[in-house]
PDB file of N, CA and C in Angstrom:
ATOM      1  N   MET A   1      12.475 -58.601  15.132  1.00  0.00           N
ATOM      2  CA  MET A   1      13.079 -57.408  14.752  1.00  0.00           C
ATOM      3  C   MET A   1      12.166 -56.119  14.404  1.00  0.00           C
ATOM      4  N   THR A   2      12.137 -55.202  15.122  1.00  0.00           N
ATOM      5  CA  THR A   2      11.165 -54.040  14.871  1.00  0.00           C
ATOM      6  C   THR A   2      11.759 -53.119  13.939  1.00  0.00           C
ATOM      7  N   THR A   3      10.844 -52.570  13.178  1.00  0.00           N
ATOM      8  CA  THR A   3      11.048 -51.438  12.159  1.00  0.00           C
ATOM      9  C   THR A   3      10.478 -50.200  12.525  1.00  0.00           C
ATOM     10  N   PRO A   4      11.010 -49.254  12.130  1.00  0.00           N
ATOM     11  CA  PRO A   4      10.448 -47.790  12.344  1.00  0.00           C
ATOM     12  C   PRO A   4       8.996 -47.800  12.461  1.00  0.00           C
ATOM     13  N   ASP A   5       8.592 -48.418  11.157  1.00  0.00           N
ATOM     14  CA  ASP A   5       7.157 -48.163  11.005  1.00  0.00           C
ATOM     15  C   ASP A   5       6.243 -49.034  12.113  1.00  0.00           C
ATOM     16  N   SER A   6       6.814 -50.106  12.551  1.00  0.00           N
ATOM     17  CA  SER A   6       6.067 -50.878  13.623  1.00  0.00           C
ATOM     18  C   SER A   6       6.133 -50.217  14.826  1.00  0.00           C
ATOM     19  N   LYS A   7       7.248 -49.400  15.112  1.00  0.00           N
ATOM     20  CA  LYS A   7       7.426 -48.766  16.435  1.00  0.00           C
ATOM     21  C   LYS A   7       6.307 -47.789  16.472  1.00  0.00           C
ATOM     22  N   ARG A   8       6.181 -47.137  15.355  1.00  0.00           N
ATOM     23  CA  ARG A   8       5.179 -45.893  15.195  1.00  0.00           C
ATOM     24  C   ARG A   8       3.761 -46.355  15.494  1.00  0.00           C
ATOM     25  N   SER A   9       3.504 -47.705  14.756  1.00  0.00           N
ATOM     26  CA  SER A   9       2.334 -48.345  14.630  1.00  0.00           C
ATOM     27  C   SER A   9       1.840 -48.785  16.095  1.00  0.00           C
ATOM     28  N   LEU A  10       2.777 -49.136  16.977  1.00  0.00           N
ATOM     29  CA  LEU A  10       2.671 -49.587  18.390  1.00  0.00           C
ATOM     30  C   LEU A  10       2.451 -48.224  19.060  1.00  0.00           C
ATOM     31  N   ALA A  11       3.085 -47.390  18.837  1.00  0.00           N
ATOM     32  CA  ALA A  11       2.762 -46.083  19.652  1.00  0.00           C
ATOM     33  C   ALA A  11       1.551 -45.402  19.342  1.00  0.00           C
ATOM     34  N   GLU A  12       1.059 -45.579  18.121  1.00  0.00           N
ATOM     35  CA  GLU A  12      -0.196 -45.071  17.968  1.00  0.00           C
ATOM     36  C   GLU A  12      -1.351 -45.893  18.543  1.00  0.00           C
ATOM     37  N   SER A  13      -1.269 -47.064  18.418  1.00  0.00           N
ATOM     38  CA  SER A  13      -2.167 -48.102  19.012  1.00  0.00           C
ATOM     39  C   SER A  13      -2.208 -47.899  20.646  1.00  0.00           C
ATOM     40  N   LEU A  14      -1.125 -47.575  21.313  1.00  0.00           N
ATOM     41  CA  LEU A  14      -0.991 -47.501  22.717  1.00  0.00           C
ATOM     42  C   LEU A  14      -1.628 -46.276  23.139  1.00  0.00           C
ATOM     43  N   ARG A  15      -1.550 -45.034  22.382  1.00  0.00           N
ATOM     44  CA  ARG A  15      -2.106 -43.766  22.465  1.00  0.00           C
ATOM     45  C   ARG A  15      -3.823 -44.019  22.338  1.00  0.00           C
ATOM     46  N   ALA A  16      -4.231 -44.802  21.200  1.00  0.00           N
ATOM     47  CA  ALA A  16      -5.505 -44.562  20.852  1.00  0.00           C
ATOM     48  C   ALA A  16      -6.180 -45.669  22.133  1.00  0.00           C
ATOM     49  N   MET A  17      -5.523 -46.508  22.551  1.00  0.00           N
ATOM     50  CA  MET A  17      -6.095 -47.372  23.843  1.00  0.00           C
ATOM     51  C   MET A  17      -6.071 -46.644  25.085  1.00  0.00           C
ATOM     52  N   GLN A  18      -5.271 -45.668  25.221  1.00  0.00           N
ATOM     53  CA  GLN A  18      -5.219 -44.707  26.330  1.00  0.00           C
ATOM     54  C   GLN A  18      -6.336 -43.675  26.306  1.00  0.00           C
ATOM     55  N   GLU A  19      -6.507 -43.319  25.270  1.00  0.00           N
ATOM     56  CA  GLU A  19      -7.609 -42.275  24.953  1.00  0.00           C
ATOM     57  C   GLU A  19      -9.049 -43.082  25.120  1.00  0.00           C
ATOM     58  N   ALA A  20      -9.151 -44.106  24.652  1.00  0.00           N
ATOM     59  CA  ALA A  20     -10.343 -45.101  24.912  1.00  0.00           C
ATOM     60  C   ALA A  20     -10.522 -45.331  26.363  1.00  0.00           C
ATOM     61  N   ALA A  21      -9.588 -45.607  27.265  1.00  0.00           N
ATOM     62  CA  ALA A  21      -9.673 -46.034  28.398  1.00  0.00           C
ATOM     63  C   ALA A  21     -10.106 -44.906  29.152  1.00  0.00           C
ATOM     64  N   GLN A  22      -9.392 -43.735  29.033  1.00  0.00           N
ATOM     65  CA  GLN A  22      -9.968 -42.339  29.453  1.00  0.00           C
ATOM     66  C   GLN A  22     -11.284 -41.896  29.322  1.00  0.00           C
ATOM     67  N   LYS A  23     -11.905 -42.221  28.064  1.00  0.00           N
ATOM     68  CA  LYS A  23     -13.253 -41.862  27.697  1.00  0.00           C
ATOM     69  C   LYS A  23     -14.218 -42.774  28.490  1.00  0.00           C
ATOM     70  N   ALA A  24     -13.792 -44.080  28.664  1.00  0.00           N
ATOM     71  CA  ALA A  24     -14.618 -45.047  29.381  1.00  0.00           C
ATOM     72  C   ALA A  24     -14.768 -45.029  31.034  1.00  0.00           C
ATOM     73  N   GLY A  25     -13.790 -44.043  31.550  1.00  0.00           N
ATOM     74  CA  GLY A  25     -13.697 -43.919  32.965  1.00  0.00           C
ATOM     75  C   GLY A  25     -15.062 -43.760  33.651  1.00  0.00           C
ATOM     76  N   PRO A  26     -15.848 -42.592  33.319  1.00  0.00           N
ATOM     77  CA  PRO A  26     -17.054 -42.269  33.993  1.00  0.00           C
ATOM     78  C   PRO A  26     -18.053 -43.509  33.881  1.00  0.00           C
ATOM     79  N   ALA A  27     -17.957 -44.206  32.821  1.00  0.00           N
ATOM     80  CA  ALA A  27     -19.032 -45.483  32.400  1.00  0.00           C
ATOM     81  C   ALA A  27     -18.660 -46.597  33.522  1.00  0.00           C
ATOM     82  N   ALA A  28     -17.358 -46.757  33.445  1.00  0.00           N
ATOM     83  CA  ALA A  28     -16.843 -47.806  34.267  1.00  0.00           C
ATOM     84  C   ALA A  28     -17.012 -47.524  35.702  1.00  0.00           C
ATOM     85  N   ALA A  29     -16.849 -46.176  36.163  1.00  0.00           N
ATOM     86  CA  ALA A  29     -17.040 -45.821  37.549  1.00  0.00           C
ATOM     87  C   ALA A  29     -18.599 -46.198  37.865  1.00  0.00           C
ATOM     88  N   ALA A  30     -19.594 -45.581  36.998  1.00  0.00           N
ATOM     89  CA  ALA A  30     -20.885 -45.782  37.039  1.00  0.00           C
ATOM     90  C   ALA A  30     -21.289 -47.264  37.374  1.00  0.00           C
ATOM     91  N   SER A  31     -20.685 -48.423  36.501  1.00  0.00           N
ATOM     92  CA  SER A  31     -20.999 -49.598  36.492  1.00  0.00           C
ATOM     93  C   SER A  31     -20.284 -50.490  37.900  1.00  0.00           C
ATOM     94  N   TYR A  32     -19.241 -50.009  38.184  1.00  0.00           N
ATOM     95  CA  TYR A  32     -18.564 -50.229  39.486  1.00  0.00           C
ATOM     96  C   TYR A  32     -19.457 -49.843  40.672  1.00  0.00           C
ATOM     97  N   SER A  33     -20.172 -48.838  40.706  1.00  0.00           N
ATOM     98  CA  SER A  33     -21.034 -48.142  41.558  1.00  0.00           C
ATOM     99  C   SER A  33     -22.365 -49.221  41.776  1.00  0.00           C
ATOM    100  N   LEU A  34     -22.838 -49.489  40.527  1.00  0.00           N
ATOM    101  CA  LEU A  34     -24.042 -50.441  40.636  1.00  0.00           C
ATOM    102  C   LEU A  34     -23.691 -51.806  41.105  1.00  0.00           C
ATOM    103  N   ILE A  35     -22.458 -52.409  40.740  1.00  0.00           N
ATOM    104  CA  ILE A  35     -22.210 -53.708  41.251  1.00  0.00           C
ATOM    105  C   ILE A  35     -21.657 -53.850  42.565  1.00  0.00           C
ATOM    106  N   GLY A  36     -21.060 -52.781  42.954  1.00  0.00           N
ATOM    107  CA  GLY A  36     -20.524 -52.731  44.459  1.00  0.00           C
ATOM    108  C   GLY A  36     -21.848 -52.283  45.294  1.00  0.00           C
ATOM    109  N   GLY A  37     -22.601 -51.685  44.870  1.00  0.00           N
ATOM    110  CA  GLY A  37     -23.969 -51.471  45.676  1.00  0.00           C
ATOM    111  C   GLY A  37     -24.708 -52.652  45.851  1.00  0.00           C
ATOM    112  N   ILE A  38     -25.088 -53.456  44.590  1.00  0.00           N
ATOM    113  CA  ILE A  38     -25.647 -54.726  44.732  1.00  0.00           C
ATOM    114  C   ILE A  38     -25.057 -55.800  45.750  1.00  0.00           C
ATOM    115  N   VAL A  39     -23.793 -55.775  45.723  1.00  0.00           N
ATOM    116  CA  VAL A  39     -23.055 -56.649  46.476  1.00  0.00           C
ATOM    117  C   VAL A  39     -23.207 -56.310  48.159  1.00  0.00           C
ATOM    118  N   LEU A  40     -22.656 -55.009  48.278  1.00  0.00           N
ATOM    119  CA  LEU A  40     -22.869 -54.461  49.718  1.00  0.00           C
ATOM    120  C   LEU A  40     -24.224 -54.351  50.243  1.00  0.00           C
ATOM    121  N   LEU A  41     -25.137 -53.885  49.566  1.00  0.00           N
ATOM    122  CA  LEU A  41     -26.401 -53.508  50.275  1.00  0.00           C
ATOM    123  C   LEU A  41     -27.135 -54.975  50.207  1.00  0.00           C
ATOM    124  N   GLY A  42     -27.064 -55.603  49.226  1.00  0.00           N
ATOM    125  CA  GLY A  42     -27.630 -56.983  49.103  1.00  0.00           C
ATOM    126  C   GLY A  42     -27.139 -58.102  50.354  1.00  0.00           C
ATOM    127  N   GLY A  43     -25.724 -57.767  50.363  1.00  0.00           N
ATOM    128  CA  GLY A  43     -25.234 -58.528  51.423  1.00  0.00           C
ATOM    129  C   GLY A  43     -25.632 -58.114  52.819  1.00  0.00           C
ATOM    130  N   ILE A  44     -25.846 -56.804  52.898  1.00  0.00           N
ATOM    131  CA  ILE A  44     -26.172 -56.351  54.482  1.00  0.00           C
ATOM    132  C   ILE A  44     -27.730 -56.804  54.625  1.00  0.00           C
ATOM    133  N   GLY A  45     -28.386 -56.800  53.232  1.00  0.00           N
ATOM    134  CA  GLY A  45     -29.940 -57.080  53.592  1.00  0.00           C
ATOM    135  C   GLY A  45     -29.991 -58.512  53.796  1.00  0.00           C
ATOM    136  N   TYR A  46     -29.160 -59.283  53.266  1.00  0.00           N
ATOM    137  CA  TYR A  46     -29.088 -60.879  53.517  1.00  0.00           C
ATOM    138  C   TYR A  46     -28.750 -60.961  54.773  1.00  0.00           C
ATOM    139  N   ALA A  47     -27.688 -60.428  55.602  1.00  0.00           N
ATOM    140  CA  ALA A  47     -27.259 -60.754  56.807  1.00  0.00           C
ATOM    141  C   ALA A  47     -28.626 -60.150  57.819  1.00  0.00           C
ATOM    142  N   ILE A  48     -29.229 -59.306  57.565  1.00  0.00           N
ATOM    143  CA  ILE A  48     -30.212 -58.998  58.453  1.00  0.00           C
ATOM    144  C   ILE A  48     -31.354 -59.836  58.486  1.00  0.00           C
ATOM    145  N   ASP A  49     -31.528 -60.377  57.092  1.00  0.00           N
ATOM    146  CA  ASP A  49     -32.780 -61.448  57.099  1.00  0.00           C
ATOM    147  C   ASP A  49     -32.227 -62.632  57.718  1.00  0.00           C
ATOM    148  N   GLU A  50     -31.113 -62.955  57.804  1.00  0.00           N
ATOM    149  CA  GLU A  50     -30.685 -64.173  58.552  1.00  0.00           C
ATOM    150  C   GLU A  50     -30.673 -64.006  60.164  1.00  0.00           C
ATOM    151  N   TRP A  51     -30.334 -62.813  60.619  1.00  0.00           N
ATOM    152  CA  TRP A  51     -30.217 -62.547  61.823  1.00  0.00           C
ATOM    153  C   TRP A  51     -31.639 -62.314  62.469  1.00  0.00           C
ATOM    154  N   GLN A  52     -32.655 -61.619  61.652  1.00  0.00           N
ATOM    155  CA  GLN A  52     -33.986 -61.558  62.247  1.00  0.00           C
ATOM    156  C   GLN A  52     -34.976 -62.522  61.585  1.00  0.00           C
ATOM    157  N   GLY A  53     -34.565 -63.268  60.617  1.00  0.00           N
ATOM    158  CA  GLY A  53     -35.556 -64.376  60.331  1.00  0.00           C
ATOM    159  C   GLY A  53     -36.615 -63.825  59.499  1.00  0.00           C
ATOM    160  N   THR A  54     -36.347 -62.715  58.676  1.00  0.00           N
ATOM    161  CA  THR A  54     -37.343 -62.161  57.892  1.00  0.00           C
ATOM    162  C   THR A  54     -37.223 -62.330  56.493  1.00  0.00           C
ATOM    163  N   SER A  55     -36.623 -63.426  56.108  1.00  0.00           N
ATOM    164  CA  SER A  55     -36.295 -63.730  54.785  1.00  0.00           C
ATOM    165  C   SER A  55     -37.431 -63.508  53.694  1.00  0.00           C
ATOM    166  N   PRO A  56     -37.238 -63.090  52.694  1.00  0.00           N
ATOM    167  CA  PRO A  56     -36.392 -62.224  52.022  1.00  0.00           C
ATOM    168  C   PRO A  56     -36.424 -60.689  51.961  1.00  0.00           C
ATOM    169  N   TRP A  57     -37.106 -60.315  52.792  1.00  0.00           N
ATOM    170  CA  TRP A  57     -37.627 -58.684  52.761  1.00  0.00           C
ATOM    171  C   TRP A  57     -36.351 -57.617  52.752  1.00  0.00           C
ATOM    172  N   PHE A  58     -35.439 -57.977  53.506  1.00  0.00           N
ATOM    173  CA  PHE A  58     -34.488 -57.065  53.681  1.00  0.00           C
ATOM    174  C   PHE A  58     -33.501 -57.054  52.564  1.00  0.00           C
ATOM    175  N   LEU A  59     -33.339 -58.292  52.161  1.00  0.00           N
ATOM    176  CA  LEU A  59     -32.610 -58.625  50.918  1.00  0.00           C
ATOM    177  C   LEU A  59     -33.068 -57.833  49.573  1.00  0.00           C
ATOM    178  N   PHE A  60     -34.385 -57.994  49.373  1.00  0.00           N
ATOM    179  CA  PHE A  60     -34.962 -57.167  48.251  1.00  0.00           C
ATOM    180  C   PHE A  60     -35.012 -55.671  48.505  1.00  0.00           C
ATOM    181  N   GLY A  61     -35.102 -55.337  49.889  1.00  0.00           N
ATOM    182  CA  GLY A  61     -34.936 -53.697  50.297  1.00  0.00           C
ATOM    183  C   GLY A  61     -33.489 -53.507  49.688  1.00  0.00           C
ATOM    184  N   GLY A  62     -32.470 -53.982  50.138  1.00  0.00           N
ATOM    185  CA  GLY A  62     -31.112 -53.715  49.910  1.00  0.00           C
ATOM    186  C   GLY A  62     -30.946 -53.864  48.252  1.00  0.00           C
ATOM    187  N   LEU A  63     -31.432 -54.537  47.809  1.00  0.00           N
ATOM    188  CA  LEU A  63     -31.132 -54.705  46.353  1.00  0.00           C
ATOM    189  C   LEU A  63     -31.846 -53.590  45.522  1.00  0.00           C
ATOM    190  N   LEU A  64     -33.037 -53.148  46.142  1.00  0.00           N
ATOM    191  CA  LEU A  64     -33.710 -52.195  45.453  1.00  0.00           C
ATOM    192  C   LEU A  64     -33.063 -50.906  45.546  1.00  0.00           C
ATOM    193  N   LEU A  65     -32.390 -50.724  46.771  1.00  0.00           N
ATOM    194  CA  LEU A  65     -31.554 -49.580  47.039  1.00  0.00           C
ATOM    195  C   LEU A  65     -30.533 -49.419  46.083  1.00  0.00           C
ATOM    196  N   ALA A  66     -29.770 -50.619  46.081  1.00  0.00           N
ATOM    197  CA  ALA A  66     -28.718 -50.605  45.205  1.00  0.00           C
ATOM    198  C   ALA A  66     -28.844 -50.293  43.865  1.00  0.00           C
ATOM    199  N   LEU A  67     -30.099 -50.847  43.310  1.00  0.00           N
ATOM    200  CA  LEU A  67     -30.214 -50.388  41.838  1.00  0.00           C
ATOM    201  C   LEU A  67     -30.597 -48.973  41.748  1.00  0.00           C
ATOM    202  N   VAL A  68     -31.358 -48.421  42.671  1.00  0.00           N
ATOM    203  CA  VAL A  68     -31.792 -46.750  42.681  1.00  0.00           C
ATOM    204  C   VAL A  68     -30.413 -45.990  42.703  1.00  0.00           C
ATOM    205  N   TYR A  69     -29.497 -46.331  43.343  1.00  0.00           N
ATOM    206  CA  TYR A  69     -27.970 -45.698  43.603  1.00  0.00           C
ATOM    207  C   TYR A  69     -27.375 -45.827  42.512  1.00  0.00           C
ATOM    208  N   GLY A  70     -27.305 -47.204  41.782  1.00  0.00           N
ATOM    209  CA  GLY A  70     -26.512 -47.371  40.622  1.00  0.00           C
ATOM    210  C   GLY A  70     -27.087 -46.589  39.343  1.00  0.00           C
ATOM    211  N   PHE A  71     -28.404 -46.558  39.293  1.00  0.00           N
ATOM    212  CA  PHE A  71     -29.055 -46.142  38.195  1.00  0.00           C
ATOM    213  C   PHE A  71     -28.726 -44.460  38.264  1.00  0.00           C
ATOM    214  N   PHE A  72     -28.801 -43.813  39.830  1.00  0.00           N
ATOM    215  CA  PHE A  72     -28.672 -42.423  39.967  1.00  0.00           C
ATOM    216  C   PHE A  72     -27.293 -42.166  39.609  1.00  0.00           C
ATOM    217  N   GLN A  73     -26.131 -43.039  39.751  1.00  0.00           N
ATOM    218  CA  GLN A  73     -24.906 -42.660  39.487  1.00  0.00           C
ATOM    219  C   GLN A  73     -24.721 -42.635  38.014  1.00  0.00           C
ATOM    220  N   LEU A  74     -25.520 -43.751  37.069  1.00  0.00           N
ATOM    221  CA  LEU A  74     -25.506 -43.559  35.768  1.00  0.00           C
ATOM    222  C   LEU A  74     -25.819 -42.420  35.213  1.00  0.00           C
ATOM    223  N   ALA A  75     -27.134 -42.085  35.657  1.00  0.00           N
ATOM    224  CA  ALA A  75     -27.881 -40.779  35.355  1.00  0.00           C
ATOM    225  C   ALA A  75     -26.888 -39.412  35.396  1.00  0.00           C
ATOM    226  N   MET A  76     -26.100 -39.630  36.627  1.00  0.00           N
ATOM    227  CA  MET A  76     -25.420 -38.387  36.753  1.00  0.00           C
ATOM    228  C   MET A  76     -24.106 -38.123  35.945  1.00  0.00           C
ATOM    229  N   MET A  77     -23.791 -39.357  35.316  1.00  0.00           N
ATOM    230  CA  MET A  77     -22.812 -39.600  34.414  1.00  0.00           C
ATOM    231  C   MET A  77     -23.308 -39.041  33.143  1.00  0.00           C
ATOM    232  N   VAL A  78     -24.300 -39.557  32.645  1.00  0.00           N
ATOM    233  CA  VAL A  78     -25.120 -39.150  31.512  1.00  0.00           C
ATOM    234  C   VAL A  78     -25.141 -37.759  31.306  1.00  0.00           C
ATOM    235  N   PHE A  79     -25.920 -37.148  32.358  1.00  0.00           N
ATOM    236  CA  PHE A  79     -26.333 -35.985  32.317  1.00  0.00           C
ATOM    237  C   PHE A  79     -25.117 -34.766  32.397  1.00  0.00           C
ATOM    238  N   ARG A  80     -24.138 -35.221  33.058  1.00  0.00           N
ATOM    239  CA  ARG A  80     -23.131 -34.281  33.432  1.00  0.00           C
ATOM    240  C   ARG A  80     -22.351 -34.026  31.816  1.00  0.00           C
ATOM    241  N   ARG A  81     -22.542 -34.816  30.848  1.00  0.00           N
ATOM    242  CA  ARG A  81     -21.895 -34.216  29.682  1.00  0.00           C
ATOM    243  C   ARG A  81     -22.648 -33.094  28.855  1.00  0.00           C
TER     244      ARG A  81
END
């Protein structure tokens, strides 16, 4: 059984959760860019290493590029404010 106070409390909680999610959006996007870059560029580097037999140099290069890109996105998010 719900009371008017519990409905108001639920509405306030949902509103607070929505505001927190909106504020976290840019940080989440920057972290997704970092993770996606590591997976994508690291995977490409690994594939090139397997194809060329140059292990682990292209993997390291891909991971380094991914880190640079991810931290660039993070810096853009921080300095945009």
